[in-house]
Amino acid sequence: MSLDNFVPRCSVFGLLVMGLGFALVLSSCAGQPNLGQASGASATANVAPTMPLEHPTPSGVGAALDPTEIARRQLSTALLQIFYHQPGIILAHGTNQTPVGPYQLKTYRLEAVTLPSPLPFAIKDDVHQVGVGDEVLIQGPTLIQGKKIITLSTIYRVTITGGPFEQTNAEFWPISVGDIFIGNGGPDYSVPTEQEVKIVVYDIGLLQEGSTLSLSGTQLPEKLHFTSKP
């Protein structure tokens, strides 16, 4: 997977930390709560959207965004690259090249991706997936809007190859481990030689030796086999 457009982790997060610190100071002085939680569904893996730093006012004149919002958008952009494109340590992978099922599924890869620094995320109790948009810009609280706050240093990316995976408005591809639905994967169209669907989870305990992986109801022919310890 090409990393030509990847910004080095340290420089990106160094800038984010500086911007975030400035944003939090201004937010605190203004007496406003700094939840910093992104709205909407988790972003898909194929495109990292451009984050505008200003928005139009009714008069048509651009108005500067709140510094906290700027920091949040910069963080989300960096996380898109880290979650879906940054190489990780391969913990398990298959070798099958014979397509199976209606989506011509082939094999899988499980990677552990280390975040540049621990980061809190707001996750619902019954959700195994973590995505861009779940990050928060605060430390301390254990709940935000009914979601528990967990601090992650490592995330786990499951990649399933095959396809073609048609691009739809939803771009949701349900993925299960055994009988447990772990979330909706997103297709990655940045790899010209092999189409992939990727999903990121935060709990490695879901992924056990000998487990089966399924995408949209089709089971992969290989069981999960670890080659490295988490």
Protein backbone atom coordinates (compact mmCIF):
# COMPACT_ATOMS: atom_id res chain seq x y z
CA MET A 1 0.00 0.00 0.00
CA SER A 2 1.43 3.37 -1.06
CA LEU A 3 2.50 5.81 1.63
CA ASP A 4 3.60 8.58 -0.77
CA ASN A 5 0.97 10.92 0.60
CA PHE A 6 1.36 9.95 4.23
CA VAL A 7 2.51 12.70 6.56
CA PRO A 8 5.02 11.44 9.16
CA ARG A 9 3.26 10.59 12.39
CA CYS A 10 5.42 12.62 14.71
CA SER A 11 5.19 15.87 12.77
CA VAL A 12 1.42 15.54 12.30
CA PHE A 13 0.70 14.82 15.92
CA GLY A 14 3.22 17.42 17.09
CA LEU A 15 1.29 20.08 15.22
CA LEU A 16 -2.00 18.67 16.47
CA VAL A 17 -0.84 18.74 20.08
CA MET A 18 0.20 22.40 19.74
CA GLY A 19 -3.07 23.32 18.06
CA LEU A 20 -5.10 21.30 20.51
CA GLY A 21 -3.43 22.95 23.49
CA PHE A 22 -4.23 26.38 22.10
CA ALA A 23 -7.79 25.32 21.36
CA LEU A 24 -8.39 23.96 24.85
CA VAL A 25 -7.10 27.13 26.50
CA LEU A 26 -9.45 29.30 24.45
CA SER A 27 -12.35 26.94 25.08
CA SER A 28 -11.71 26.98 28.83
CA CYS A 29 -11.55 30.76 28.93
CA ALA A 30 -14.83 30.98 27.07
CA GLY A 31 -16.49 28.73 29.64
CA GLN A 32 -17.74 26.35 26.98
CA PRO A 33 -17.65 22.52 27.31
CA ASN A 34 -14.95 20.99 25.14
CA LEU A 35 -16.43 17.68 24.05
CA GLY A 36 -14.76 17.76 20.67
CA GLN A 37 -16.69 14.72 19.44
CA ALA A 38 -17.21 14.36 15.73
CA SER A 39 -20.71 13.84 14.44
CA GLY A 40 -21.87 11.38 11.82
CA ALA A 41 -20.81 7.88 10.89
CA SER A 42 -17.25 6.62 10.93
CA ALA A 43 -15.33 7.62 7.82
CA THR A 44 -14.55 5.08 5.11
CA ALA A 45 -11.05 4.17 4.15
CA ASN A 46 -10.77 5.24 0.54
CA VAL A 47 -10.64 9.03 0.74
CA ALA A 48 -9.36 11.41 3.39
CA PRO A 49 -11.62 14.46 2.99
CA THR A 50 -10.23 17.95 2.90
CA MET A 51 -11.07 19.78 6.11
CA PRO A 52 -11.95 23.44 5.45
CA LEU A 53 -10.79 25.91 8.07
CA GLU A 54 -13.61 28.37 7.54
CA HIS A 55 -17.28 28.29 6.67
CA PRO A 56 -19.56 30.75 4.84
CA THR A 57 -21.73 33.13 6.78
CA PRO A 58 -25.17 34.21 5.51
CA SER A 59 -23.53 37.30 4.03
CA GLY A 60 -21.14 35.11 2.03
CA VAL A 61 -18.07 36.30 3.93
CA GLY A 62 -15.87 33.53 5.35
CA ALA A 63 -15.78 33.33 9.14
CA ALA A 64 -12.93 31.66 11.05
CA LEU A 65 -13.82 28.42 12.77
CA ASP A 66 -13.48 27.95 16.50
CA PRO A 67 -9.92 26.79 17.34
CA THR A 68 -11.31 23.65 18.98
CA GLU A 69 -13.14 22.75 15.75
CA ILE A 70 -9.96 23.32 13.75
CA ALA A 71 -8.04 20.99 16.07
CA ARG A 72 -10.78 18.35 15.83
CA ARG A 73 -10.76 18.41 12.03
CA GLN A 74 -6.99 18.20 11.86
CA LEU A 75 -7.03 15.24 14.22
CA SER A 76 -9.70 13.44 12.18
CA THR A 77 -7.69 13.92 8.98
CA ALA A 78 -4.58 12.45 10.61
CA LEU A 79 -6.55 9.52 12.05
CA LEU A 80 -7.93 8.60 8.62
CA GLN A 81 -4.39 7.97 7.44
CA ILE A 82 -3.35 6.13 10.60
CA PHE A 83 -6.46 3.93 10.90
CA TYR A 84 -6.70 2.82 7.28
CA HIS A 85 -3.32 3.32 5.62
CA GLN A 86 -0.51 3.28 8.17
CA PRO A 87 1.27 -0.09 8.07
CA GLY A 88 0.99 -2.09 11.27
CA ILE A 89 2.47 -5.24 12.74
CA ILE A 90 0.91 -8.24 10.99
CA LEU A 91 -0.50 -10.53 13.66
CA ALA A 92 -2.36 -12.95 11.40
CA HIS A 93 -2.88 -13.44 7.68
CA GLY A 94 -4.09 -15.97 5.16
CA THR A 95 -2.76 -17.09 1.79
CA ASN A 96 -5.84 -18.25 -0.14
CA GLN A 97 -6.07 -16.95 -3.71
CA THR A 98 -9.13 -18.94 -4.87
CA PRO A 99 -12.17 -16.60 -4.85
CA VAL A 100 -15.26 -17.76 -2.95
CA GLY A 101 -18.83 -16.50 -2.82
CA PRO A 102 -20.64 -13.72 -4.68
CA TYR A 103 -18.02 -11.14 -3.68
CA GLN A 104 -15.06 -13.30 -4.75
CA LEU A 105 -13.51 -13.20 -1.29
CA LYS A 106 -9.93 -14.42 -1.03
CA THR A 107 -8.06 -13.91 2.22
CA TYR A 108 -7.55 -11.66 5.25
CA ARG A 109 -4.91 -9.72 7.15
CA LEU A 110 -4.94 -8.61 10.80
CA GLU A 111 -2.63 -5.78 11.85
CA ALA A 112 -1.91 -4.00 15.12
CA VAL A 113 -1.45 -0.28 14.50
CA THR A 114 0.13 1.80 17.26
CA LEU A 115 -1.17 5.34 17.70
CA PRO A 116 1.48 8.07 18.08
CA SER A 117 0.10 8.81 21.54
CA PRO A 118 -2.79 7.48 23.69
CA LEU A 119 -6.11 9.01 22.62
CA PRO A 120 -9.60 8.84 24.20
CA PHE A 121 -12.55 7.56 22.16
CA ALA A 122 -16.29 7.51 22.93
CA ILE A 123 -17.73 4.05 22.23
CA LYS A 124 -21.17 2.51 22.86
CA ASP A 125 -21.22 -0.57 25.08
CA ASP A 126 -22.49 -2.91 22.36
CA VAL A 127 -20.09 -1.67 19.64
CA HIS A 128 -16.78 -3.41 18.85
CA GLN A 129 -15.71 -1.12 16.04
CA VAL A 130 -13.84 2.15 16.48
CA GLY A 131 -13.71 4.76 13.75
CA VAL A 132 -12.73 8.26 12.83
CA GLY A 133 -15.37 10.43 14.44
CA ASP A 134 -15.30 8.53 17.75
CA GLU A 135 -12.27 10.45 19.04
CA VAL A 136 -12.76 13.10 21.72
CA LEU A 137 -10.54 15.99 22.75
CA ILE A 138 -10.89 15.65 26.49
CA GLN A 139 -9.47 13.50 29.26
CA GLY A 140 -11.12 12.51 32.50
CA PRO A 141 -14.88 11.86 32.05
CA THR A 142 -15.96 8.22 31.80
CA LEU A 143 -19.17 8.87 29.85
CA ILE A 144 -20.19 11.27 27.08
CA GLN A 145 -23.76 11.19 25.76
CA GLY A 146 -24.22 7.63 26.98
CA LYS A 147 -20.94 6.39 25.47
CA LYS A 148 -18.06 5.08 27.55
CA ILE A 149 -14.67 6.74 27.20
CA ILE A 150 -11.77 4.40 26.50
CA THR A 151 -8.17 5.49 25.93
CA LEU A 152 -6.44 3.56 23.16
CA SER A 153 -2.78 3.22 22.31
CA THR A 154 -3.27 0.46 19.73
CA ILE A 155 -6.03 -0.33 17.27
CA TYR A 156 -6.53 -3.53 15.25
CA ARG A 157 -7.27 -3.43 11.54
CA VAL A 158 -8.86 -6.36 9.71
CA THR A 159 -8.49 -6.33 5.93
CA ILE A 160 -10.46 -8.70 3.67
CA THR A 161 -9.42 -8.98 0.01
CA GLY A 162 -11.50 -9.94 -2.99
CA GLY A 163 -14.14 -8.06 -4.91
CA PRO A 164 -14.99 -6.19 -6.90
CA PHE A 165 -16.71 -4.36 -4.06
CA GLU A 166 -19.13 -1.94 -5.67
CA GLN A 167 -19.13 1.58 -4.33
CA THR A 168 -22.57 2.46 -2.99
CA ASN A 169 -23.94 5.43 -1.10
CA ALA A 170 -23.69 3.55 2.18
CA GLU A 171 -20.41 1.69 1.48
CA PHE A 172 -21.23 -0.66 4.35
CA TRP A 173 -19.97 -4.24 4.33
CA PRO A 174 -21.00 -6.17 7.48
CA ILE A 175 -18.17 -8.20 9.00
CA SER A 176 -18.51 -10.96 11.60
CA VAL A 177 -16.11 -13.02 13.67
CA GLY A 178 -17.83 -16.36 14.22
CA ASP A 179 -21.38 -15.44 15.19
CA ILE A 180 -20.44 -11.98 16.49
CA PHE A 181 -21.14 -8.98 14.27
CA ILE A 182 -18.22 -6.60 14.79
CA GLY A 183 -19.22 -3.75 12.49
CA ASN A 184 -19.40 -2.43 8.95
CA GLY A 185 -16.22 -2.37 6.90
CA GLY A 186 -15.41 0.19 4.24
CA PRO A 187 -13.91 -0.54 0.81
CA ASP A 188 -10.46 0.79 -0.01
CA TYR A 189 -10.17 1.78 -3.67
CA SER A 190 -6.65 3.19 -3.31
CA VAL A 191 -5.04 -0.20 -4.03
CA PRO A 192 -5.18 -0.67 -7.82
CA THR A 193 -4.15 -4.34 -7.86
CA GLU A 194 -6.43 -5.70 -5.15
CA GLN A 195 -9.71 -4.44 -3.74
CA GLU A 196 -10.02 -4.55 0.01
CA VAL A 197 -12.59 -3.99 2.75
CA LYS A 198 -11.20 -2.74 6.05
CA ILE A 199 -12.56 -2.48 9.57
CA VAL A 200 -10.90 -1.26 12.77
CA VAL A 201 -11.71 -2.72 16.20
CA TYR A 202 -10.35 -1.87 19.61
CA ASP A 203 -10.72 -5.26 21.37
CA ILE A 204 -8.26 -7.94 20.26
CA GLY A 205 -10.17 -10.39 22.48
CA LEU A 206 -12.77 -10.73 19.72
CA LEU A 207 -10.18 -12.18 17.37
CA GLN A 208 -9.23 -15.64 18.58
CA GLU A 209 -7.11 -18.38 17.01
CA GLY A 210 -9.30 -20.58 14.81
CA SER A 211 -12.12 -18.02 14.48
CA THR A 212 -13.92 -17.62 11.16
CA LEU A 213 -14.30 -14.29 9.36
CA SER A 214 -17.36 -13.47 7.27
CA LEU A 215 -18.20 -10.54 5.02
CA SER A 216 -21.85 -9.94 4.01
CA GLY A 217 -22.73 -13.48 5.04
CA THR A 218 -19.92 -15.18 3.07
CA GLN A 219 -17.36 -17.00 5.18
CA LEU A 220 -13.71 -16.79 4.24
CA PRO A 221 -12.15 -20.21 3.50
CA GLU A 222 -9.33 -19.74 6.03
CA LYS A 223 -9.63 -19.59 9.79
CA LEU A 224 -7.84 -16.95 11.80
CA HIS A 225 -4.28 -18.05 12.47
CA PHE A 226 -1.85 -15.88 14.45
CA THR A 227 1.76 -15.67 13.32
CA SER A 228 2.73 -13.02 15.88
CA LYS A 229 1.54 -12.33 19.40
CA PRO A 230 -0.61 -9.20 19.99
